[in-house]
Amino acid sequence: MDQDTFAAGQVVQLKSGGPLMTVEMVGERYGDPHVWCVWFDKMKKFNDTFRPEALKLVPAKAPPPAFANVGYASAKGRI
């Protein structure tokens, strides 16, 4: 996977595993392609750069259904 495959805002992960990370930007560092990523561990923010070959794109999940489409039960039955 080359640097053109990744874009800011995408969710990636190291091919070897680890936390899900968000791509901040893609470009060159020391003349080689790199991907700048950010992630959180509890309340602490981390960031680092990675070679594109070390990363894999995480497929986007379908959004959850809207509240309006979900039926809720009350003490007297369905609302």
PDB file of N, CA and C in Angstrom:
ATOM      1  N   MET A   1       0.846  -1.175   0.000  1.00  0.00           N
ATOM      2  CA  MET A   1       0.000   0.000   0.000  1.00  0.00           C
ATOM      3  C   MET A   1       0.893   1.240   0.000  1.00  0.00           C
ATOM      4  N   ASP A   2       0.686   2.145  -0.919  1.00  0.00           N
ATOM      5  CA  ASP A   2       1.544   3.324  -0.958  1.00  0.00           C
ATOM      6  C   ASP A   2       0.859   4.507  -0.286  1.00  0.00           C
ATOM      7  N   GLN A   3       1.585   5.611  -0.165  1.00  0.00           N
ATOM      8  CA  GLN A   3       1.057   6.752   0.576  1.00  0.00           C
ATOM      9  C   GLN A   3      -0.183   7.343  -0.067  1.00  0.00           C
ATOM     10  N   ASP A   4      -0.387   7.151  -1.371  1.00  0.00           N
ATOM     11  CA  ASP A   4      -1.569   7.692  -2.033  1.00  0.00           C
ATOM     12  C   ASP A   4      -2.834   6.936  -1.632  1.00  0.00           C
ATOM     13  N   THR A   5      -2.673   5.779  -1.013  1.00  0.00           N
ATOM     14  CA  THR A   5      -3.814   4.968  -0.615  1.00  0.00           C
ATOM     15  C   THR A   5      -4.464   5.511   0.652  1.00  0.00           C
ATOM     16  N   PHE A   6      -3.730   6.207   1.482  1.00  0.00           N
ATOM     17  CA  PHE A   6      -4.255   6.726   2.738  1.00  0.00           C
ATOM     18  C   PHE A   6      -4.604   8.205   2.589  1.00  0.00           C
ATOM     19  N   ALA A   7      -5.622   8.639   3.370  1.00  0.00           N
ATOM     20  CA  ALA A   7      -6.041  10.038   3.343  1.00  0.00           C
ATOM     21  C   ALA A   7      -6.411  10.466   4.763  1.00  0.00           C
ATOM     22  N   ALA A   8      -6.289  11.751   5.037  1.00  0.00           N
ATOM     23  CA  ALA A   8      -6.645  12.292   6.349  1.00  0.00           C
ATOM     24  C   ALA A   8      -8.070  11.893   6.709  1.00  0.00           C
ATOM     25  N   GLY A   9      -8.252  11.486   7.962  1.00  0.00           N
ATOM     26  CA  GLY A   9      -9.564  11.102   8.453  1.00  0.00           C
ATOM     27  C   GLY A   9      -9.847   9.612   8.421  1.00  0.00           C
ATOM     28  N   GLN A  10      -9.046   8.865   7.677  1.00  0.00           N
ATOM     29  CA  GLN A  10      -9.250   7.424   7.624  1.00  0.00           C
ATOM     30  C   GLN A  10      -8.757   6.764   8.909  1.00  0.00           C
ATOM     31  N   VAL A  11      -9.338   5.604   9.215  1.00  0.00           N
ATOM     32  CA  VAL A  11      -8.931   4.831  10.388  1.00  0.00           C
ATOM     33  C   VAL A  11      -8.020   3.710   9.917  1.00  0.00           C
ATOM     34  N   VAL A  12      -6.857   3.603  10.563  1.00  0.00           N
ATOM     35  CA  VAL A  12      -5.857   2.602  10.193  1.00  0.00           C
ATOM     36  C   VAL A  12      -5.388   1.867  11.441  1.00  0.00           C
ATOM     37  N   GLN A  13      -4.641   0.797  11.209  1.00  0.00           N
ATOM     38  CA  GLN A  13      -4.048   0.018  12.292  1.00  0.00           C
ATOM     39  C   GLN A  13      -2.742  -0.559  11.773  1.00  0.00           C
ATOM     40  N   LEU A  14      -1.799  -0.756  12.662  1.00  0.00           N
ATOM     41  CA  LEU A  14      -0.574  -1.433  12.261  1.00  0.00           C
ATOM     42  C   LEU A  14      -0.918  -2.847  11.814  1.00  0.00           C
ATOM     43  N   LYS A  15      -0.259  -3.335  10.798  1.00  0.00           N
ATOM     44  CA  LYS A  15      -0.502  -4.693  10.321  1.00  0.00           C
ATOM     45  C   LYS A  15      -0.231  -5.718  11.419  1.00  0.00           C
ATOM     46  N   SER A  16       0.638  -5.382  12.347  1.00  0.00           N
ATOM     47  CA  SER A  16       0.960  -6.279  13.452  1.00  0.00           C
ATOM     48  C   SER A  16      -0.036  -6.182  14.607  1.00  0.00           C
ATOM     49  N   GLY A  17      -1.025  -5.281  14.502  1.00  0.00           N
ATOM     50  CA  GLY A  17      -2.024  -5.095  15.551  1.00  0.00           C
ATOM     51  C   GLY A  17      -1.838  -3.775  16.258  1.00  0.00           C
ATOM     52  N   GLY A  18      -2.528  -3.600  17.373  1.00  0.00           N
ATOM     53  CA  GLY A  18      -2.422  -2.367  18.128  1.00  0.00           C
ATOM     54  C   GLY A  18      -3.690  -1.554  18.055  1.00  0.00           C
ATOM     55  N   PRO A  19      -3.649  -0.311  18.570  1.00  0.00           N
ATOM     56  CA  PRO A  19      -4.850   0.516  18.623  1.00  0.00           C
ATOM     57  C   PRO A  19      -5.282   1.007  17.242  1.00  0.00           C
ATOM     58  N   LEU A  20      -6.555   1.345  17.131  1.00  0.00           N
ATOM     59  CA  LEU A  20      -7.033   2.006  15.921  1.00  0.00           C
ATOM     60  C   LEU A  20      -6.530   3.442  15.953  1.00  0.00           C
ATOM     61  N   MET A  21      -6.086   3.930  14.802  1.00  0.00           N
ATOM     62  CA  MET A  21      -5.506   5.273  14.720  1.00  0.00           C
ATOM     63  C   MET A  21      -6.187   6.040  13.595  1.00  0.00           C
ATOM     64  N   THR A  22      -6.232   7.357  13.729  1.00  0.00           N
ATOM     65  CA  THR A  22      -6.790   8.217  12.693  1.00  0.00           C
ATOM     66  C   THR A  22      -5.648   8.886  11.945  1.00  0.00           C
ATOM     67  N   VAL A  23      -5.714   8.854  10.619  1.00  0.00           N
ATOM     68  CA  VAL A  23      -4.700   9.511   9.782  1.00  0.00           C
ATOM     69  C   VAL A  23      -4.900  11.018   9.870  1.00  0.00           C
ATOM     70  N   GLU A  24      -3.839  11.731  10.245  1.00  0.00           N
ATOM     71  CA  GLU A  24      -3.878  13.195  10.286  1.00  0.00           C
ATOM     72  C   GLU A  24      -3.419  13.796   8.965  1.00  0.00           C
ATOM     73  N   MET A  25      -2.364  13.217   8.406  1.00  0.00           N
ATOM     74  CA  MET A  25      -1.863  13.697   7.114  1.00  0.00           C
ATOM     75  C   MET A  25      -0.937  12.657   6.516  1.00  0.00           C
ATOM     76  N   VAL A  26      -0.691  12.806   5.230  1.00  0.00           N
ATOM     77  CA  VAL A  26       0.179  11.899   4.498  1.00  0.00           C
ATOM     78  C   VAL A  26       1.196  12.754   3.761  1.00  0.00           C
ATOM     79  N   GLY A  27       2.450  12.337   3.790  1.00  0.00           N
ATOM     80  CA  GLY A  27       3.469  13.101   3.090  1.00  0.00           C
ATOM     81  C   GLY A  27       4.816  12.422   3.174  1.00  0.00           C
ATOM     82  N   GLU A  28       5.871  13.211   3.037  1.00  0.00           N
ATOM     83  CA  GLU A  28       7.220  12.664   3.089  1.00  0.00           C
ATOM     84  C   GLU A  28       7.929  13.122   4.353  1.00  0.00           C
ATOM     85  N   ARG A  29       8.753  12.228   4.868  1.00  0.00           N
ATOM     86  CA  ARG A  29       9.605  12.534   6.018  1.00  0.00           C
ATOM     87  C   ARG A  29      10.960  11.921   5.721  1.00  0.00           C
ATOM     88  N   TYR A  30      11.980  12.722   5.766  1.00  0.00           N
ATOM     89  CA  TYR A  30      13.336  12.275   5.436  1.00  0.00           C
ATOM     90  C   TYR A  30      13.393  11.661   4.035  1.00  0.00           C
ATOM     91  N   GLY A  31      12.571  12.185   3.127  1.00  0.00           N
ATOM     92  CA  GLY A  31      12.573  11.721   1.743  1.00  0.00           C
ATOM     93  C   GLY A  31      11.802  10.437   1.485  1.00  0.00           C
ATOM     94  N   ASP A  32      11.191   9.867   2.520  1.00  0.00           N
ATOM     95  CA  ASP A  32      10.405   8.637   2.372  1.00  0.00           C
ATOM     96  C   ASP A  32       8.944   8.915   2.698  1.00  0.00           C
ATOM     97  N   PRO A  33       8.010   8.165   2.076  1.00  0.00           N
ATOM     98  CA  PRO A  33       6.593   8.363   2.382  1.00  0.00           C
ATOM     99  C   PRO A  33       6.278   7.959   3.825  1.00  0.00           C
ATOM    100  N   HIS A  34       5.475   8.776   4.489  1.00  0.00           N
ATOM    101  CA  HIS A  34       5.050   8.506   5.859  1.00  0.00           C
ATOM    102  C   HIS A  34       3.590   8.903   6.044  1.00  0.00           C
ATOM    103  N   VAL A  35       2.968   8.288   7.039  1.00  0.00           N
ATOM    104  CA  VAL A  35       1.587   8.588   7.394  1.00  0.00           C
ATOM    105  C   VAL A  35       1.583   9.051   8.850  1.00  0.00           C
ATOM    106  N   TRP A  36       1.068  10.255   9.101  1.00  0.00           N
ATOM    107  CA  TRP A  36       0.986  10.801  10.451  1.00  0.00           C
ATOM    108  C   TRP A  36      -0.329  10.330  11.057  1.00  0.00           C
ATOM    109  N   CYS A  37      -0.250   9.697  12.227  1.00  0.00           N
ATOM    110  CA  CYS A  37      -1.437   9.131  12.869  1.00  0.00           C
ATOM    111  C   CYS A  37      -1.576   9.635  14.304  1.00  0.00           C
ATOM    112  N   VAL A  38      -2.824   9.634  14.781  1.00  0.00           N
ATOM    113  CA  VAL A  38      -3.129  10.002  16.166  1.00  0.00           C
ATOM    114  C   VAL A  38      -4.072   8.950  16.738  1.00  0.00           C
ATOM    115  N   TRP A  39      -3.913   8.664  18.050  1.00  0.00           N
ATOM    116  CA  TRP A  39      -4.802   7.720  18.732  1.00  0.00           C
ATOM    117  C   TRP A  39      -4.822   8.067  20.209  1.00  0.00           C
ATOM    118  N   PHE A  40      -5.771   7.498  20.914  1.00  0.00           N
ATOM    119  CA  PHE A  40      -5.919   7.754  22.347  1.00  0.00           C
ATOM    120  C   PHE A  40      -5.828   6.441  23.105  1.00  0.00           C
ATOM    121  N   ASP A  41      -5.206   6.504  24.278  1.00  0.00           N
ATOM    122  CA  ASP A  41      -5.194   5.395  25.222  1.00  0.00           C
ATOM    123  C   ASP A  41      -5.764   5.960  26.505  1.00  0.00           C
ATOM    124  N   LYS A  42      -6.991   5.581  26.789  1.00  0.00           N
ATOM    125  CA  LYS A  42      -7.759   6.180  27.884  1.00  0.00           C
ATOM    126  C   LYS A  42      -7.907   7.669  27.576  1.00  0.00           C
ATOM    127  N   MET A  43      -7.356   8.529  28.381  1.00  0.00           N
ATOM    128  CA  MET A  43      -7.497   9.970  28.167  1.00  0.00           C
ATOM    129  C   MET A  43      -6.239  10.600  27.586  1.00  0.00           C
ATOM    130  N   LYS A  44      -5.230   9.816  27.284  1.00  0.00           N
ATOM    131  CA  LYS A  44      -3.965  10.356  26.801  1.00  0.00           C
ATOM    132  C   LYS A  44      -3.869  10.250  25.283  1.00  0.00           C
ATOM    133  N   LYS A  45      -3.475  11.356  24.664  1.00  0.00           N
ATOM    134  CA  LYS A  45      -3.337  11.414  23.207  1.00  0.00           C
ATOM    135  C   LYS A  45      -1.919  11.039  22.808  1.00  0.00           C
ATOM    136  N   PHE A  46      -1.805  10.221  21.769  1.00  0.00           N
ATOM    137  CA  PHE A  46      -0.519   9.838  21.210  1.00  0.00           C
ATOM    138  C   PHE A  46      -0.517  10.157  19.722  1.00  0.00           C
ATOM    139  N   ASN A  47       0.666  10.402  19.174  1.00  0.00           N
ATOM    140  CA  ASN A  47       0.793  10.533  17.726  1.00  0.00           C
ATOM    141  C   ASN A  47       2.177  10.082  17.302  1.00  0.00           C
ATOM    142  N   ASP A  48       2.254   9.625  16.058  1.00  0.00           N
ATOM    143  CA  ASP A  48       3.524   9.154  15.518  1.00  0.00           C
ATOM    144  C   ASP A  48       3.388   9.055  14.009  1.00  0.00           C
ATOM    145  N   THR A  49       4.510   8.847  13.350  1.00  0.00           N
ATOM    146  CA  THR A  49       4.490   8.630  11.902  1.00  0.00           C
ATOM    147  C   THR A  49       4.869   7.184  11.619  1.00  0.00           C
ATOM    148  N   PHE A  50       4.313   6.662  10.529  1.00  0.00           N
ATOM    149  CA  PHE A  50       4.546   5.276  10.151  1.00  0.00           C
ATOM    150  C   PHE A  50       4.756   5.185   8.654  1.00  0.00           C
ATOM    151  N   ARG A  51       5.538   4.216   8.243  1.00  0.00           N
ATOM    152  CA  ARG A  51       5.671   3.913   6.820  1.00  0.00           C
ATOM    153  C   ARG A  51       4.351   3.313   6.348  1.00  0.00           C
ATOM    154  N   PRO A  52       3.871   3.660   5.164  1.00  0.00           N
ATOM    155  CA  PRO A  52       2.596   3.126   4.676  1.00  0.00           C
ATOM    156  C   PRO A  52       2.561   1.594   4.633  1.00  0.00           C
ATOM    157  N   GLU A  53       3.705   0.978   4.386  1.00  0.00           N
ATOM    158  CA  GLU A  53       3.761  -0.484   4.298  1.00  0.00           C
ATOM    159  C   GLU A  53       3.428  -1.164   5.626  1.00  0.00           C
ATOM    160  N   ALA A  54       3.542  -0.424   6.726  1.00  0.00           N
ATOM    161  CA  ALA A  54       3.284  -0.984   8.054  1.00  0.00           C
ATOM    162  C   ALA A  54       1.817  -0.880   8.463  1.00  0.00           C
ATOM    163  N   LEU A  55       1.001  -0.167   7.669  1.00  0.00           N
ATOM    164  CA  LEU A  55      -0.380   0.104   8.042  1.00  0.00           C
ATOM    165  C   LEU A  55      -1.386  -0.621   7.163  1.00  0.00           C
ATOM    166  N   LYS A  56      -2.565  -0.863   7.762  1.00  0.00           N
ATOM    167  CA  LYS A  56      -3.688  -1.386   6.978  1.00  0.00           C
ATOM    168  C   LYS A  56      -4.903  -0.509   7.266  1.00  0.00           C
ATOM    169  N   LEU A  57      -5.732  -0.340   6.256  1.00  0.00           N
ATOM    170  CA  LEU A  57      -6.950   0.443   6.376  1.00  0.00           C
ATOM    171  C   LEU A  57      -7.998  -0.380   7.117  1.00  0.00           C
ATOM    172  N   VAL A  58      -8.691   0.233   8.069  1.00  0.00           N
ATOM    173  CA  VAL A  58      -9.752  -0.441   8.807  1.00  0.00           C
ATOM    174  C   VAL A  58     -11.066  -0.096   8.125  1.00  0.00           C
ATOM    175  N   PRO A  59     -11.825  -1.116   7.695  1.00  0.00           N
ATOM    176  CA  PRO A  59     -13.091  -0.830   7.002  1.00  0.00           C
ATOM    177  C   PRO A  59     -14.046  -0.037   7.895  1.00  0.00           C
ATOM    178  N   ALA A  60     -14.750   0.903   7.289  1.00  0.00           N
ATOM    179  CA  ALA A  60     -15.730   1.706   8.032  1.00  0.00           C
ATOM    180  C   ALA A  60     -16.920   0.831   8.395  1.00  0.00           C
ATOM    181  N   LYS A  61     -17.438   1.038   9.604  1.00  0.00           N
ATOM    182  CA  LYS A  61     -18.623   0.305  10.051  1.00  0.00           C
ATOM    183  C   LYS A  61     -19.873   1.059   9.623  1.00  0.00           C
ATOM    184  N   ALA A  62     -20.954   0.325   9.423  1.00  0.00           N
ATOM    185  CA  ALA A  62     -22.233   0.959   9.109  1.00  0.00           C
ATOM    186  C   ALA A  62     -22.686   1.754  10.328  1.00  0.00           C
ATOM    187  N   PRO A  63     -23.269   2.928  10.118  1.00  0.00           N
ATOM    188  CA  PRO A  63     -23.722   3.717  11.257  1.00  0.00           C
ATOM    189  C   PRO A  63     -24.859   3.018  11.984  1.00  0.00           C
ATOM    190  N   PRO A  64     -24.988   3.233  13.296  1.00  0.00           N
ATOM    191  CA  PRO A  64     -26.082   2.607  14.032  1.00  0.00           C
ATOM    192  C   PRO A  64     -27.415   3.197  13.594  1.00  0.00           C
ATOM    193  N   PRO A  65     -28.511   2.460  13.762  1.00  0.00           N
ATOM    194  CA  PRO A  65     -29.817   3.004  13.373  1.00  0.00           C
ATOM    195  C   PRO A  65     -30.167   4.227  14.218  1.00  0.00           C
ATOM    196  N   ALA A  66     -30.921   5.127  13.634  1.00  0.00           N
ATOM    197  CA  ALA A  66     -31.337   6.339  14.351  1.00  0.00           C
ATOM    198  C   ALA A  66     -32.333   5.976  15.439  1.00  0.00           C
ATOM    199  N   PHE A  67     -32.380   6.794  16.500  1.00  0.00           N
ATOM    200  CA  PHE A  67     -33.312   6.542  17.597  1.00  0.00           C
ATOM    201  C   PHE A  67     -34.752   6.470  17.104  1.00  0.00           C
ATOM    202  N   ALA A  68     -35.082   7.261  16.093  1.00  0.00           N
ATOM    203  CA  ALA A  68     -36.459   7.300  15.606  1.00  0.00           C
ATOM    204  C   ALA A  68     -36.901   5.946  15.051  1.00  0.00           C
ATOM    205  N   ASN A  69     -35.971   5.123  14.637  1.00  0.00           N
ATOM    206  CA  ASN A  69     -36.305   3.834  14.056  1.00  0.00           C
ATOM    207  C   ASN A  69     -36.332   2.707  15.076  1.00  0.00           C
ATOM    208  N   VAL A  70     -36.065   3.009  16.330  1.00  0.00           N
ATOM    209  CA  VAL A  70     -35.975   1.979  17.354  1.00  0.00           C
ATOM    210  C   VAL A  70     -37.218   2.067  18.244  1.00  0.00           C
ATOM    211  N   GLY A  71     -37.901   0.945  18.456  1.00  0.00           N
ATOM    212  CA  GLY A  71     -39.061   0.920  19.332  1.00  0.00           C
ATOM    213  C   GLY A  71     -38.636   0.754  20.773  1.00  0.00           C
ATOM    214  N   TYR A  72     -39.263   1.482  21.691  1.00  0.00           N
ATOM    215  CA  TYR A  72     -38.933   1.376  23.101  1.00  0.00           C
ATOM    216  C   TYR A  72     -40.179   0.931  23.857  1.00  0.00           C
ATOM    217  N   ALA A  73     -39.989   0.166  24.887  1.00  0.00           N
ATOM    218  CA  ALA A  73     -41.106  -0.290  25.712  1.00  0.00           C
ATOM    219  C   ALA A  73     -41.221   0.596  26.935  1.00  0.00           C
ATOM    220  N   SER A  74     -42.441   0.888  27.311  1.00  0.00           N
ATOM    221  CA  SER A  74     -42.680   1.621  28.556  1.00  0.00           C
ATOM    222  C   SER A  74     -43.322   0.659  29.539  1.00  0.00           C
ATOM    223  N   ALA A  75     -43.640   1.153  30.711  1.00  0.00           N
ATOM    224  CA  ALA A  75     -44.269   0.306  31.724  1.00  0.00           C
ATOM    225  C   ALA A  75     -45.634  -0.193  31.247  1.00  0.00           C
ATOM    226  N   LYS A  76     -46.304   0.547  30.354  1.00  0.00           N
ATOM    227  CA  LYS A  76     -47.630   0.174  29.873  1.00  0.00           C
ATOM    228  C   LYS A  76     -47.564  -0.510  28.507  1.00  0.00           C
ATOM    229  N   GLY A  77     -46.387  -0.717  27.966  1.00  0.00           N
ATOM    230  CA  GLY A  77     -46.264  -1.337  26.640  1.00  0.00           C
ATOM    231  C   GLY A  77     -45.459  -0.471  25.709  1.00  0.00           C
ATOM    232  N   ARG A  78     -45.556  -0.801  24.431  1.00  0.00           N
ATOM    233  CA  ARG A  78     -44.787  -0.034  23.444  1.00  0.00           C
ATOM    234  C   ARG A  78     -45.297   1.371  23.291  1.00  0.00           C
ATOM    235  N   ILE A  79     -44.377   2.251  23.069  1.00  0.00           N
ATOM    236  CA  ILE A  79     -44.741   3.660  22.840  1.00  0.00           C
ATOM    237  C   ILE A  79     -44.946   3.843  21.358  1.00  0.00           C
TER     238      ILE A  79
END
